[in-house]
């Protein structure tokens, strides 16, 4: 016997409809590429998203066709989120930080019909336009007065002109909630980038879960500034969450330096922001330099890489901002775990609590996880035993878009599909997961594993260290040994011996890195993560050369 409840499809258009109906006068504030501040409301956004959907329909865009974007966080990008997905087409957010060859590959692999772009990315569009033969037109996200002259791009259209051709009376179609809504490609650190195709159902369910009190804890009281880009896993779902709960949205555009972010955070009285550690380093550096304090910020969501303990301590102890550590990946839409504390953790000392907060957190409802050994046997949740991290859930990838390998990314254990994350992790008795390494980054010394992330975290706790990366360097006797690559803070003095001595008492002695290399910069990838593959190419033979020398 089935229940006697209404059947209503879970569609992304319902989020912006809800925001219009119940929070129509709530503001969306954007720092534009042009440098000025733009303001309007959810009601305005809904109207313009319908106009966009109508205009694209008149252009001949059909359901399931891909529409590419190369854009910063801003109101026009938000209109594309809702207008394209709402009409049944697929929003394909492209990471402009990738190399132009990868951008061209991604656009062609996705078979994008149109590509919308912010004027910042005009040089990139010029570089790829001749290589994207399937793209019918490129749309500059600006008005006619700012349209580029003599751009040398065939079929260049103006966003605001296109919008005027659409009708605000457009009615959102109703279709199957399992229809694809959004396409996002992995950063492609190994091989070509792979497309992850989200559905309306998966996106709405992810939005419900991510907004929960024990997840990102968002409400209509919040003012949310996503520093994490809208081209990076849908800005971790925050543009959807804001519509669901009615929170004011603030978009920073391309100005992501510490001074610009602080100015916007203060001017708009932001309560919640989200980004990767490298962004927060710039913001905290600006505060330290100027002696300023936050007047409204209450919570900082940190993901994409492990939050250094010193950053967690500075946010909470110096500036009174609670840190929420999160973990996820493109294949998880992205949120898998959140470091929301349990009641008993609140009675701990700050130092004890920070140990828990430094972990990646516990699974949000909808995500199941386990750790397994090399034979696929499940390992205990004791906080010490590490194994490969597997996940499953309604917003976890089942297959990659146009998968040329014809092999499923899922593992089969006991007849159930699990996605192998590529992370090595522990899980404690409270369900808090901690990444100890990427499986490809684990250091195997004499047959024993050494976790590079723990060594990096300790190094980052030294007051003179700005950045640290630990890689496996080849070794004549032990096969591999840990090697530290470090960027000192400006004007800081730090020697190899001082940093290695900093590890004493914090780890097993045989885990201590064999050497330290000081560099001016460490290369970051398109999503702000350290490119360890490049470091291994550059320094992988360092210990062998040192011994030989």
Protein backbone atom coordinates (compact mmCIF):
# COMPACT_ATOMS: atom_id res chain seq x y z
CA UNK A 1 0.00 0.00 0.00
CA UNK A 2 1.37 3.42 -0.98
CA UNK A 3 0.97 6.58 1.03
CA UNK A 4 -1.68 9.08 -0.01
CA UNK A 5 0.59 12.09 -0.42
CA UNK A 6 0.97 14.54 -3.28
CA UNK A 7 3.67 13.85 -5.85
CA UNK A 8 5.65 17.05 -6.44
CA UNK A 9 8.87 16.96 -8.42
CA UNK A 10 11.97 18.30 -6.67
CA UNK A 11 13.10 20.94 -9.17
CA UNK A 12 15.68 23.72 -8.85
CA UNK A 13 13.14 26.26 -10.14
CA UNK A 14 11.12 25.65 -6.97
CA UNK A 15 13.95 27.20 -4.91
CA UNK A 16 13.86 30.57 -6.66
CA UNK A 17 10.05 30.48 -6.72
CA UNK A 18 10.06 29.97 -2.96
CA UNK A 19 12.57 32.79 -2.45
CA UNK A 20 10.42 35.14 -4.55
CA UNK A 21 7.16 34.22 -2.80
CA UNK A 22 8.41 34.20 0.79
CA UNK A 23 11.58 36.33 0.77
CA UNK A 24 11.02 38.49 -2.29
CA UNK A 25 12.52 41.68 -0.85
CA UNK A 26 15.68 40.01 0.50
CA UNK A 27 18.76 41.49 -1.16
CA UNK A 28 21.35 40.01 -3.47
CA UNK A 29 24.46 42.22 -3.50
CA UNK A 30 27.24 41.80 -6.07
CA UNK A 31 30.59 43.44 -6.64
CA UNK A 32 30.68 43.50 -10.41
CA UNK A 33 33.59 43.03 -12.77
CA UNK A 34 33.19 46.73 -13.54
CA UNK A 35 34.05 47.45 -9.89
CA UNK A 36 30.75 48.91 -8.72
CA UNK A 37 28.22 47.38 -6.32
CA UNK A 38 24.95 46.05 -7.75
CA UNK A 39 21.86 45.45 -5.62
CA UNK A 40 18.55 43.82 -6.28
CA UNK A 41 16.21 41.26 -4.70
CA UNK A 42 15.22 37.62 -5.00
CA UNK A 43 12.07 38.84 -6.74
CA UNK A 44 14.17 40.68 -9.33
CA UNK A 45 16.38 37.63 -9.78
CA UNK A 46 13.37 35.38 -10.35
CA UNK A 47 11.95 37.74 -12.96
CA UNK A 48 15.22 38.00 -14.86
CA UNK A 49 15.84 34.22 -14.63
CA UNK A 50 12.46 33.67 -16.31
CA UNK A 51 13.35 36.22 -18.97
CA UNK A 52 16.62 34.38 -19.56
CA UNK A 53 14.87 31.02 -19.86
CA UNK A 54 12.39 32.52 -22.32
CA UNK A 55 15.17 34.11 -24.38
CA UNK A 56 17.14 30.85 -24.52
CA UNK A 57 14.00 29.02 -25.63
CA UNK A 58 13.65 31.52 -28.48
CA UNK A 59 17.29 30.86 -29.39
CA UNK A 60 16.35 27.22 -29.82
CA UNK A 61 17.92 25.78 -26.65
CA UNK A 62 16.32 22.43 -25.87
CA UNK A 63 16.05 20.39 -22.67
CA UNK A 64 19.27 18.61 -21.65
CA UNK A 65 21.47 20.80 -23.87
CA UNK A 66 24.52 22.19 -22.11
CA UNK A 67 25.04 25.92 -21.55
CA UNK A 68 28.56 26.86 -20.44
CA UNK A 69 29.54 29.64 -18.04
CA UNK A 70 32.92 31.30 -17.44
CA UNK A 71 31.99 33.72 -14.70
CA UNK A 72 32.71 35.00 -11.20
CA UNK A 73 30.28 34.98 -8.30
CA UNK A 74 27.64 37.53 -9.22
CA UNK A 75 23.96 38.14 -9.86
CA UNK A 76 24.08 37.33 -13.59
CA UNK A 77 25.73 33.99 -12.85
CA UNK A 78 22.96 33.31 -10.33
CA UNK A 79 20.36 34.05 -13.02
CA UNK A 80 22.04 31.44 -15.20
CA UNK A 81 21.94 28.91 -12.35
CA UNK A 82 18.16 29.21 -12.20
CA UNK A 83 17.22 30.23 -15.74
CA UNK A 84 19.10 27.45 -17.53
CA UNK A 85 18.31 24.63 -15.09
CA UNK A 86 14.75 25.84 -14.63
CA UNK A 87 13.97 25.51 -18.34
CA UNK A 88 15.30 21.93 -18.37
CA UNK A 89 18.71 22.63 -19.92
CA UNK A 90 21.99 21.99 -18.08
CA UNK A 91 24.21 24.64 -16.48
CA UNK A 92 27.84 23.78 -17.21
CA UNK A 93 30.07 25.85 -14.92
CA UNK A 94 33.63 25.94 -16.31
CA UNK A 95 36.63 26.70 -14.11
CA UNK A 96 38.45 29.63 -15.80
CA UNK A 97 41.60 28.92 -13.78
CA UNK A 98 42.26 25.82 -15.85
CA UNK A 99 44.66 25.94 -18.78
CA UNK A 100 43.02 27.04 -22.03
CA UNK A 101 43.60 23.57 -23.52
CA UNK A 102 41.58 22.04 -20.68
CA UNK A 103 38.86 24.67 -21.00
CA UNK A 104 38.53 23.94 -24.72
CA UNK A 105 38.51 20.19 -24.03
CA UNK A 106 35.79 20.57 -21.39
CA UNK A 107 33.57 22.78 -23.58
CA UNK A 108 33.86 20.35 -26.48
CA UNK A 109 33.40 17.26 -24.33
CA UNK A 110 30.27 18.76 -22.80
CA UNK A 111 29.05 19.84 -26.26
CA UNK A 112 28.17 23.29 -24.98
CA UNK A 113 25.70 25.08 -27.24
CA UNK A 114 26.36 28.56 -25.83
CA UNK A 115 28.98 29.95 -23.45
CA UNK A 116 28.29 32.94 -21.19
CA UNK A 117 31.33 34.81 -19.90
CA UNK A 118 32.34 37.73 -17.69
CA UNK A 119 34.44 40.37 -19.46
CA UNK A 120 37.44 39.36 -17.34
CA UNK A 121 37.62 36.19 -19.38
CA UNK A 122 37.52 37.76 -22.84
CA UNK A 123 41.17 36.77 -23.51
CA UNK A 124 40.32 33.17 -22.63
CA UNK A 125 37.29 33.23 -24.92
CA UNK A 126 39.47 34.56 -27.75
CA UNK A 127 41.92 31.71 -27.17
CA UNK A 128 39.31 28.95 -27.29
CA UNK A 129 36.61 30.31 -29.62
CA UNK A 130 38.19 28.89 -32.78
CA UNK A 131 38.55 25.48 -31.14
CA UNK A 132 34.95 25.14 -29.97
CA UNK A 133 33.12 24.52 -33.22
CA UNK A 134 29.95 23.30 -31.54
CA UNK A 135 29.36 26.58 -29.69
CA UNK A 136 26.71 28.58 -31.53
CA UNK A 137 27.45 31.90 -29.79
CA UNK A 138 29.39 33.46 -26.94
CA UNK A 139 27.41 35.79 -24.67
CA UNK A 140 29.25 38.60 -22.85
CA UNK A 141 27.68 39.10 -19.43
CA UNK A 142 27.37 42.86 -19.65
CA UNK A 143 25.25 45.60 -21.17
CA UNK A 144 25.54 47.11 -24.64
CA UNK A 145 27.56 50.11 -23.43
CA UNK A 146 30.36 47.83 -22.18
CA UNK A 147 30.38 45.32 -25.02
CA UNK A 148 33.92 44.66 -26.29
CA UNK A 149 34.70 46.33 -29.62
CA UNK A 150 36.44 44.45 -32.42
CA UNK A 151 36.77 41.36 -30.26
CA UNK A 152 37.34 39.15 -33.28
CA UNK A 153 34.82 36.57 -32.02
CA UNK A 154 32.13 35.33 -34.36
CA UNK A 155 28.58 35.28 -32.98
CA UNK A 156 29.25 37.49 -29.96
CA UNK A 157 26.03 38.42 -28.15
CA UNK A 158 25.19 40.83 -25.32
CA UNK A 159 23.64 39.39 -22.14
CA UNK A 160 21.38 42.33 -21.34
CA UNK A 161 20.18 42.57 -24.94
CA UNK A 162 19.41 38.84 -24.88
CA UNK A 163 17.41 39.22 -21.68
CA UNK A 164 15.23 41.92 -23.24
CA UNK A 165 14.13 39.39 -25.85
CA UNK A 166 12.67 37.12 -23.16
CA UNK A 167 9.36 37.29 -21.35
CA UNK A 168 9.06 37.67 -17.57
CA UNK A 169 5.77 35.78 -17.91
CA UNK A 170 7.64 32.57 -18.73
CA UNK A 171 6.26 29.63 -16.72
CA UNK A 172 8.71 27.07 -15.38
CA UNK A 173 8.08 23.67 -16.96
CA UNK A 174 7.48 20.61 -14.78
CA UNK A 175 9.53 17.53 -15.63
CA UNK A 176 11.14 14.48 -14.04
CA UNK A 177 13.21 15.42 -10.97
CA UNK A 178 15.88 12.93 -12.07
CA UNK A 179 16.60 15.10 -15.12
CA UNK A 180 20.11 16.56 -15.24
CA UNK A 181 20.48 20.12 -13.96
CA UNK A 182 24.16 20.99 -13.63
CA UNK A 183 27.49 19.76 -14.98
CA UNK A 184 30.80 20.27 -13.22
CA UNK A 185 34.16 18.80 -14.22
CA UNK A 186 36.82 17.59 -11.83
CA UNK A 187 40.07 19.54 -11.88
CA UNK A 188 41.81 16.80 -13.85
CA UNK A 189 45.02 16.38 -11.83
CA UNK A 190 45.35 12.95 -13.43
CA UNK A 191 44.17 12.47 -17.01
CA UNK A 192 41.43 14.53 -18.61
CA UNK A 193 38.84 16.25 -16.40
CA UNK A 194 35.77 14.11 -15.75
CA UNK A 195 32.21 15.45 -15.81
CA UNK A 196 29.90 15.03 -12.83
CA UNK A 197 26.27 15.47 -13.85
CA UNK A 198 23.95 16.50 -11.01
CA UNK A 199 20.19 16.05 -11.14
CA UNK A 200 17.43 18.33 -9.89
CA UNK A 201 16.56 15.75 -7.24
CA UNK A 202 20.15 15.34 -6.02
CA UNK A 203 20.67 19.11 -5.89
CA UNK A 204 17.48 19.83 -3.91
CA UNK A 205 18.16 16.99 -1.46
CA UNK A 206 21.73 18.24 -1.02
CA UNK A 207 20.35 21.72 -0.33
CA UNK A 208 17.99 20.41 2.35
CA UNK A 209 20.78 18.50 4.09
CA UNK A 210 23.45 21.21 3.81
CA UNK A 211 21.20 23.84 5.40
CA UNK A 212 20.45 21.74 8.51
CA UNK A 213 21.56 23.03 11.95
CA UNK A 214 24.16 20.27 12.29
CA UNK A 215 25.45 21.03 8.80
CA UNK A 216 25.99 24.63 7.59
CA UNK A 217 23.22 25.90 9.87
CA UNK A 218 21.77 28.53 7.53
CA UNK A 219 18.64 30.61 8.10
CA UNK A 220 16.85 33.78 7.04
CA UNK A 221 18.86 35.58 9.75
CA UNK A 222 22.08 35.03 7.83
CA UNK A 223 23.97 37.17 5.36
CA UNK A 224 26.00 34.71 3.25
CA UNK A 225 29.10 35.56 1.23
CA UNK A 226 30.36 32.60 -0.82
CA UNK A 227 34.05 33.17 -1.50
CA UNK A 228 34.17 29.66 -2.95
CA UNK A 229 33.54 30.18 -6.68
CA UNK A 230 30.26 29.40 -8.35
CA UNK A 231 32.34 27.52 -10.92
CA UNK A 232 33.60 25.20 -8.16
CA UNK A 233 30.92 22.63 -7.29
CA UNK A 234 28.08 25.15 -7.31
CA UNK A 235 29.77 27.29 -4.64
CA UNK A 236 29.23 24.35 -2.27
CA UNK A 237 25.47 24.73 -2.75
CA UNK A 238 25.22 28.13 -1.04
CA UNK A 239 23.34 29.87 -3.91
CA UNK A 240 20.64 27.20 -3.57
CA UNK A 241 20.66 27.24 0.25
CA UNK A 242 20.18 31.02 0.37
CA UNK A 243 17.02 30.73 -1.72
CA UNK A 244 15.68 27.85 0.38
CA UNK A 245 16.10 29.67 3.71
CA UNK A 246 15.77 33.29 2.53
CA UNK A 247 19.26 34.46 3.50
CA UNK A 248 20.74 37.62 2.01
CA UNK A 249 23.42 36.81 -0.58
CA UNK A 250 26.61 38.80 -1.10
CA UNK A 251 28.82 38.04 -4.11
CA UNK A 252 32.46 39.23 -4.18
CA UNK A 253 33.05 39.05 -7.94
CA UNK A 254 36.73 38.88 -8.90
CA UNK A 255 38.04 40.89 -5.91
CA UNK A 256 39.18 38.12 -3.57
CA UNK A 257 42.13 39.84 -1.87
CA UNK A 258 41.98 40.32 1.89
CA UNK A 259 41.27 44.06 1.82
CA UNK A 260 38.41 43.78 -0.72
CA UNK A 261 36.80 40.86 1.09
CA UNK A 262 36.96 42.59 4.46
CA UNK A 263 35.45 45.76 3.02
CA UNK A 264 32.49 43.81 1.61
CA UNK A 265 32.07 41.65 4.71
CA UNK A 266 31.78 44.76 6.85
CA UNK A 267 29.71 46.88 4.47
CA UNK A 268 27.04 44.18 4.08
CA UNK A 269 27.27 42.84 7.65
CA UNK A 270 28.02 39.30 6.52
CA UNK A 271 27.46 36.60 9.17
CA UNK A 272 28.63 33.52 7.25
CA UNK A 273 31.29 33.03 4.61
CA UNK A 274 32.87 30.01 2.95
CA UNK A 275 36.15 29.39 1.19
CA UNK A 276 39.43 27.49 0.99
CA UNK A 277 42.30 28.08 3.46
CA UNK A 278 44.42 30.07 0.98
CA UNK A 279 41.69 32.73 0.74
CA UNK A 280 41.39 32.99 4.52
CA UNK A 281 45.16 33.40 4.82
CA UNK A 282 44.89 36.58 2.77
CA UNK A 283 41.97 37.88 4.84
CA UNK A 284 43.60 37.12 8.19
CA UNK A 285 46.84 38.67 6.95
CA UNK A 286 44.95 41.87 6.15
CA UNK A 287 43.37 41.95 9.62
CA UNK A 288 46.71 41.39 11.31
CA UNK A 289 48.31 44.14 9.25
CA UNK A 290 45.57 46.71 9.83
CA UNK A 291 44.49 45.76 13.35
CA UNK A 292 40.84 45.53 12.27
CA UNK A 293 38.14 43.29 13.76
CA UNK A 294 34.96 41.73 12.39
CA UNK A 295 31.75 43.40 13.50
CA UNK A 296 29.23 40.83 12.17
CA UNK A 297 31.01 37.63 11.08
CA UNK A 298 29.92 34.67 13.19
CA UNK A 299 30.92 31.58 11.19
CA UNK A 300 33.58 30.66 8.65
CA UNK A 301 33.16 27.50 6.57
CA UNK A 302 36.54 26.09 5.56
CA UNK A 303 36.95 23.27 3.04
CA UNK A 304 38.84 22.24 -0.06
CA UNK A 305 41.95 21.52 2.03
CA UNK A 306 42.70 20.87 5.70
CA UNK A 307 42.28 23.92 7.91
CA UNK A 308 45.61 24.62 9.68
CA UNK A 309 45.24 24.58 13.50
CA UNK A 310 46.75 28.07 13.70
CA UNK A 311 44.02 29.39 11.38
CA UNK A 312 41.27 27.75 13.45
CA UNK A 313 42.76 29.22 16.63
CA UNK A 314 43.15 32.70 15.13
CA UNK A 315 39.59 32.84 13.82
CA UNK A 316 38.08 31.73 17.11
CA UNK A 317 40.40 33.19 19.76
CA UNK A 318 41.44 36.46 18.10
CA UNK A 319 38.34 37.34 16.09
CA UNK A 320 35.48 35.43 17.73
CA UNK A 321 34.52 33.62 14.53
CA UNK A 322 33.47 29.97 14.80
CA UNK A 323 35.15 27.66 12.28
CA UNK A 324 33.16 24.93 10.59
CA UNK A 325 35.41 22.39 8.90
CA UNK A 326 33.78 20.61 5.93
CA UNK A 327 34.81 17.87 3.53
CA UNK A 328 33.47 16.90 0.16
CA UNK A 329 34.34 16.63 -3.49
CA UNK A 330 32.91 17.29 -6.94
CA UNK A 331 31.52 13.76 -6.98
CA UNK A 332 29.55 14.49 -3.76
CA UNK A 333 27.79 17.69 -4.90
CA UNK A 334 30.01 18.43 -2.74
CA UNK A 335 29.21 18.12 0.99
CA UNK A 336 29.91 14.80 2.69
CA UNK A 337 30.89 15.69 6.25
CA UNK A 338 30.68 18.76 8.48
CA UNK A 339 32.57 19.36 11.73
CA UNK A 340 29.50 20.33 13.78
CA UNK A 341 30.24 19.54 17.40
CA UNK A 342 28.12 17.29 19.58
CA UNK A 343 26.81 18.44 22.97
CA UNK A 344 29.56 16.75 24.97
CA UNK A 345 32.27 18.54 22.96
CA UNK A 346 31.04 21.90 24.25
CA UNK A 347 32.26 21.00 27.74
CA UNK A 348 35.83 20.46 26.50
CA UNK A 349 38.65 22.95 26.86
CA UNK A 350 39.37 25.04 23.74
CA UNK A 351 42.50 22.95 23.03
CA UNK A 352 40.57 19.66 23.24
CA UNK A 353 37.73 21.07 21.16
CA UNK A 354 40.13 22.25 18.46
CA UNK A 355 41.42 18.69 18.08
CA UNK A 356 37.87 17.60 17.20
CA UNK A 357 37.26 20.63 14.98
CA UNK A 358 40.45 19.96 13.03
CA UNK A 359 38.87 16.74 11.76
CA UNK A 360 36.78 16.85 8.61
CA UNK A 361 33.60 16.14 10.55
CA UNK A 362 30.72 13.69 10.66
CA UNK A 363 28.45 12.63 7.83
CA UNK A 364 25.39 14.75 7.11
CA UNK A 365 22.10 12.89 6.78
CA UNK A 366 21.98 11.22 3.36
CA UNK A 367 25.67 10.34 3.22
CA UNK A 368 26.92 6.97 4.40
CA UNK A 369 30.64 6.29 4.73
CA UNK A 370 33.07 3.59 5.76
CA UNK A 371 36.79 2.87 5.69
CA UNK A 372 38.17 -0.37 4.28
CA UNK A 373 41.49 -2.15 4.01
CA UNK A 374 43.21 -3.31 0.82
CA UNK A 375 40.91 -6.37 0.69
CA UNK A 376 37.76 -4.30 0.99
CA UNK A 377 37.07 -5.35 4.59
CA UNK A 378 35.47 -2.66 6.75
CA UNK A 379 37.73 -1.23 9.45
CA UNK A 380 36.76 -0.12 12.99
CA UNK A 381 35.76 3.43 13.95
CA UNK A 382 38.38 3.89 16.63
CA UNK A 383 40.01 7.14 15.49
CA UNK A 384 43.33 5.36 14.91
CA UNK A 385 42.83 2.74 12.20
CA UNK A 386 43.11 4.27 8.74
CA UNK A 387 41.80 2.93 5.46
CA UNK A 388 40.35 3.91 2.11
CA UNK A 389 37.29 6.13 2.51
CA UNK A 390 34.16 5.03 0.65
CA UNK A 391 30.86 6.92 0.45
CA UNK A 392 27.36 6.52 -0.96
CA UNK A 393 24.19 8.58 -0.99
CA UNK A 394 21.54 10.30 -3.15
CA UNK A 395 23.92 13.08 -4.22
CA UNK A 396 26.99 10.88 -4.82
CA UNK A 397 28.06 10.27 -8.42
CA UNK A 398 26.99 6.98 -10.02
CA UNK A 399 28.87 7.43 -13.29
CA UNK A 400 30.82 10.12 -15.11
CA UNK A 401 29.32 12.10 -17.99
CA UNK A 402 30.12 10.54 -21.35
CA UNK A 403 32.48 8.11 -19.64
CA UNK A 404 34.91 6.97 -22.33
CA UNK A 405 36.36 4.19 -20.15
CA UNK A 406 32.96 2.49 -19.85
CA UNK A 407 33.90 1.50 -16.32
CA UNK A 408 31.80 2.49 -13.32
CA UNK A 409 33.44 4.67 -10.67
CA UNK A 410 31.56 2.67 -8.04
CA UNK A 411 32.96 -0.23 -6.09
CA UNK A 412 30.75 -3.18 -5.25
CA UNK A 413 30.85 -4.35 -1.63
CA UNK A 414 28.24 -6.83 -0.43
CA UNK A 415 26.11 -5.99 -3.45
CA UNK A 416 26.00 -2.26 -2.64
CA UNK A 417 27.55 0.53 -4.69
CA UNK A 418 30.19 2.63 -2.93
CA UNK A 419 32.23 5.46 -4.38
CA UNK A 420 35.99 5.32 -3.63
CA UNK A 421 36.97 8.87 -2.70
CA UNK A 422 40.71 8.36 -3.13
CA UNK A 423 41.18 9.59 0.45
CA UNK A 424 42.74 7.65 3.31
CA UNK A 425 40.98 8.41 6.59
CA UNK A 426 40.19 7.44 10.16
CA UNK A 427 36.75 7.61 11.79
CA UNK A 428 36.37 7.96 15.56
CA UNK A 429 33.67 6.57 17.87
CA UNK A 430 31.59 9.76 17.46
CA UNK A 431 31.66 9.38 13.67
CA UNK A 432 34.15 12.20 13.09
CA UNK A 433 36.18 11.46 9.98
CA UNK A 434 39.73 12.71 9.53
CA UNK A 435 41.58 12.64 6.23
CA UNK A 436 45.11 11.39 6.79
CA UNK A 437 46.12 11.49 3.12
CA UNK A 438 45.14 11.10 -0.48
CA UNK A 439 45.76 7.50 -1.53
CA UNK A 440 48.15 8.73 -4.21
CA UNK A 441 50.00 10.94 -1.69
CA UNK A 442 50.55 8.40 1.09
CA UNK A 443 54.24 7.99 1.93
CA UNK A 444 55.19 4.30 2.10
CA UNK A 445 58.39 4.10 4.11
CA UNK A 446 59.79 0.61 4.53
CA UNK A 447 56.31 -0.87 4.03
CA UNK A 448 54.71 1.43 6.66
CA UNK A 449 52.38 4.34 5.89
CA UNK A 450 53.13 7.93 6.88
CA UNK A 451 50.36 10.50 6.52
CA UNK A 452 51.55 13.61 4.71
CA UNK A 453 48.59 15.74 5.85
CA UNK A 454 49.46 15.30 9.54
CA UNK A 455 53.05 16.37 8.86
CA UNK A 456 51.81 19.42 6.93
CA UNK A 457 49.39 20.32 9.72
CA UNK A 458 52.17 20.28 12.30
CA UNK A 459 54.43 22.41 10.09
CA UNK A 460 51.62 24.92 9.59
CA UNK A 461 51.39 25.24 13.35
CA UNK A 462 54.85 26.85 13.44
CA UNK A 463 54.48 30.66 13.68
CA UNK A 464 57.07 31.23 10.92
CA UNK A 465 55.40 28.96 8.32
CA UNK A 466 53.04 30.37 5.69
CA UNK A 467 52.59 27.25 3.54
CA UNK A 468 53.77 23.66 3.83
CA UNK A 469 53.55 20.61 1.62
CA UNK A 470 54.86 17.14 2.37
CA UNK A 471 55.67 14.72 -0.43
CA UNK A 472 57.09 11.23 -0.79
CA UNK A 473 60.71 11.53 -1.92
CA UNK A 474 62.47 8.48 -3.25
CA UNK A 475 64.92 6.89 -0.81
CA UNK A 476 67.67 4.30 -1.43
CA UNK A 477 66.89 2.23 1.68
CA UNK A 478 63.26 2.95 2.66
CA UNK A 479 61.79 3.39 -0.87
CA UNK A 480 60.10 6.64 0.21
CA UNK A 481 60.63 9.17 2.97
CA UNK A 482 58.77 12.41 3.84
CA UNK A 483 60.17 15.65 2.44
CA UNK A 484 58.85 19.06 3.52
CA UNK A 485 58.54 21.99 1.12
CA UNK A 486 57.92 25.21 3.05
CA UNK A 487 57.17 28.88 2.40
CA UNK A 488 58.21 31.12 5.28
CA UNK A 489 56.08 34.05 6.38
CA UNK A 490 57.39 37.47 5.26
CA UNK A 491 60.39 38.59 7.31
CA UNK A 492 60.35 35.32 9.25
CA UNK A 493 63.55 33.40 9.93
CA UNK A 494 63.38 29.64 10.22
CA UNK A 495 66.01 26.97 9.72
CA UNK A 496 65.70 23.33 8.74
CA UNK A 497 66.86 22.23 12.20
CA UNK A 498 64.36 24.48 14.00
CA UNK A 499 61.42 23.18 11.99
CA UNK A 500 62.38 19.51 12.34
CA UNK A 501 62.83 20.03 16.09
CA UNK A 502 59.24 21.35 16.15
CA UNK A 503 58.05 17.78 15.45
CA UNK A 504 59.59 16.33 18.61
CA UNK A 505 56.96 14.76 20.84
CA UNK A 506 54.16 15.33 18.33
CA UNK A 507 54.65 12.22 16.16
CA UNK A 508 56.52 8.92 16.14
CA UNK A 509 60.18 9.74 15.63
CA UNK A 510 60.43 7.73 12.40
CA UNK A 511 57.67 9.91 10.88
CA UNK A 512 59.90 13.01 11.12
CA UNK A 513 60.68 14.40 7.65
CA UNK A 514 64.16 13.70 6.34
CA UNK A 515 64.70 17.20 5.04
CA UNK A 516 63.16 20.64 4.52
CA UNK A 517 63.31 22.70 1.34
CA UNK A 518 62.44 26.39 1.62
CA UNK A 519 60.84 27.96 -1.46
CA UNK A 520 59.31 31.35 -2.32
CA UNK A 521 55.99 29.94 -3.57
CA UNK A 522 54.13 26.64 -3.81
CA UNK A 523 52.04 26.09 -6.92
CA UNK A 524 48.29 25.83 -6.39
CA UNK A 525 45.87 24.13 -8.73
CA UNK A 526 42.68 25.51 -10.26
CA UNK A 527 40.69 24.88 -7.07
CA UNK A 528 43.27 26.30 -4.66
CA UNK A 529 44.84 22.97 -3.70
CA UNK A 530 48.58 22.35 -3.59
CA UNK A 531 49.79 20.59 -6.73
CA UNK A 532 51.76 17.77 -5.16
CA UNK A 533 52.28 16.06 -8.50
CA UNK A 534 54.38 19.05 -9.61
CA UNK A 535 56.30 19.04 -6.33
CA UNK A 536 57.06 15.34 -6.76
CA UNK A 537 58.31 15.99 -10.28
CA UNK A 538 60.53 18.80 -9.01
CA UNK A 539 61.78 17.38 -5.71
CA UNK A 540 61.05 13.63 -5.84
CA UNK A 541 64.75 12.74 -6.25
CA UNK A 542 65.99 15.27 -3.68
CA UNK A 543 66.97 12.71 -1.03
CA UNK A 544 68.75 10.49 -3.56
CA UNK A 545 70.70 13.46 -4.93
CA UNK A 546 71.51 14.65 -1.43
CA UNK A 547 72.97 11.27 -0.47
CA UNK A 548 74.84 10.98 -3.76
CA UNK A 549 76.23 14.48 -3.30
